[in-house]
C-alpha atoms as a PDB file:
ATOM      1  CA  UNK A   1      23.161  16.120  -4.233  1.00  0.00           C
ATOM      2  CA  UNK A   2      23.000  14.832  -7.774  1.00  0.00           C
ATOM      3  CA  UNK A   3      19.983  12.948  -9.058  1.00  0.00           C
ATOM      4  CA  UNK A   4      21.974   9.750  -9.629  1.00  0.00           C
ATOM      5  CA  UNK A   5      23.277   9.750  -6.057  1.00  0.00           C
ATOM      6  CA  UNK A   6      19.800  10.418  -4.702  1.00  0.00           C
ATOM      7  CA  UNK A   7      18.372   7.547  -6.759  1.00  0.00           C
ATOM      8  CA  UNK A   8      21.064   5.091  -5.654  1.00  0.00           C
ATOM      9  CA  UNK A   9      20.637   5.955  -1.981  1.00  0.00           C
ATOM     10  CA  UNK A  10      16.873   5.563  -2.258  1.00  0.00           C
ATOM     11  CA  UNK A  11      17.174   2.209  -4.054  1.00  0.00           C
ATOM     12  CA  UNK A  12      19.487   0.885  -1.334  1.00  0.00           C
ATOM     13  CA  UNK A  13      17.164   2.062   1.443  1.00  0.00           C
ATOM     14  CA  UNK A  14      14.049   0.544  -0.161  1.00  0.00           C
ATOM     15  CA  UNK A  15      15.843  -2.725  -0.917  1.00  0.00           C
ATOM     16  CA  UNK A  16      17.026  -2.945   2.693  1.00  0.00           C
ATOM     17  CA  UNK A  17      13.532  -2.337   4.029  1.00  0.00           C
ATOM     18  CA  UNK A  18      12.028  -4.962   1.732  1.00  0.00           C
ATOM     19  CA  UNK A  19      14.685  -7.525   2.687  1.00  0.00           C
ATOM     20  CA  UNK A  20      14.018  -6.925   6.395  1.00  0.00           C
ATOM     21  CA  UNK A  21      10.282  -7.287   5.825  1.00  0.00           C
ATOM     22  CA  UNK A  22      10.846 -10.539   3.950  1.00  0.00           C
ATOM     23  CA  UNK A  23      13.115 -11.897   6.692  1.00  0.00           C
ATOM     24  CA  UNK A  24      10.470 -11.282   9.347  1.00  0.00           C
ATOM     25  CA  UNK A  25       7.794 -12.723   7.025  1.00  0.00           C
ATOM     26  CA  UNK A  26       5.736  -9.548   7.217  1.00  0.00           C
ATOM     27  CA  UNK A  27       5.264  -9.443   3.457  1.00  0.00           C
ATOM     28  CA  UNK A  28       3.965 -12.980   3.486  1.00  0.00           C
ATOM     29  CA  UNK A  29       0.907 -11.871   5.436  1.00  0.00           C
ATOM     30  CA  UNK A  30       0.582  -8.420   3.865  1.00  0.00           C
ATOM     31  CA  UNK A  31       1.737  -8.788   0.278  1.00  0.00           C
ATOM     32  CA  UNK A  32      -0.388  -5.874  -0.903  1.00  0.00           C
ATOM     33  CA  UNK A  33       1.686  -3.483   1.191  1.00  0.00           C
ATOM     34  CA  UNK A  34       4.792  -4.340  -0.840  1.00  0.00           C
ATOM     35  CA  UNK A  35       3.389  -1.945  -3.448  1.00  0.00           C
ATOM     36  CA  UNK A  36       3.734   1.021  -1.081  1.00  0.00           C
ATOM     37  CA  UNK A  37       7.560   1.398  -1.435  1.00  0.00           C
ATOM     38  CA  UNK A  38       7.194   1.215  -5.210  1.00  0.00           C
ATOM     39  CA  UNK A  39       4.639   4.037  -5.160  1.00  0.00           C
ATOM     40  CA  UNK A  40       6.854   6.065  -2.837  1.00  0.00           C
ATOM     41  CA  UNK A  41       9.770   5.523  -5.214  1.00  0.00           C
ATOM     42  CA  UNK A  42       7.652   6.751  -8.121  1.00  0.00           C
ATOM     43  CA  UNK A  43       6.611   9.962  -6.388  1.00  0.00           C
ATOM     44  CA  UNK A  44      10.095  10.631  -5.001  1.00  0.00           C
ATOM     45  CA  UNK A  45      11.456  10.094  -8.501  1.00  0.00           C
ATOM     46  CA  UNK A  46       9.064  12.709  -9.798  1.00  0.00           C
ATOM     47  CA  UNK A  47      10.146  15.078  -7.020  1.00  0.00           C
ATOM     48  CA  UNK A  48      13.855  14.494  -7.605  1.00  0.00           C
ATOM     49  CA  UNK A  49      13.405  15.065 -11.331  1.00  0.00           C
ATOM     50  CA  UNK A  50      11.957  18.511 -10.661  1.00  0.00           C
ATOM     51  CA  UNK A  51      14.304  19.356  -7.791  1.00  0.00           C
ATOM     52  CA  UNK A  52      17.604  18.182  -9.340  1.00  0.00           C
ATOM     53  CA  UNK A  53      16.878  19.008 -12.978  1.00  0.00           C
ATOM     54  CA  UNK A  54      20.001  19.750 -15.014  1.00  0.00           C
ATOM     55  CA  UNK A  55      20.233  23.463 -15.655  1.00  0.00           C
END
């Protein structure tokens, strides 16, 4: 799997999760937890950079 494909799939998954959380008004009560997917994206980006580095 190429890095670009991995990134696009992850962006779609995170966006879907955040939209669902907004629809059920979960983020309204727990806004601080909206930072968690962003942190996960950061660390997965670091992982994918190492794993899928162009050789």
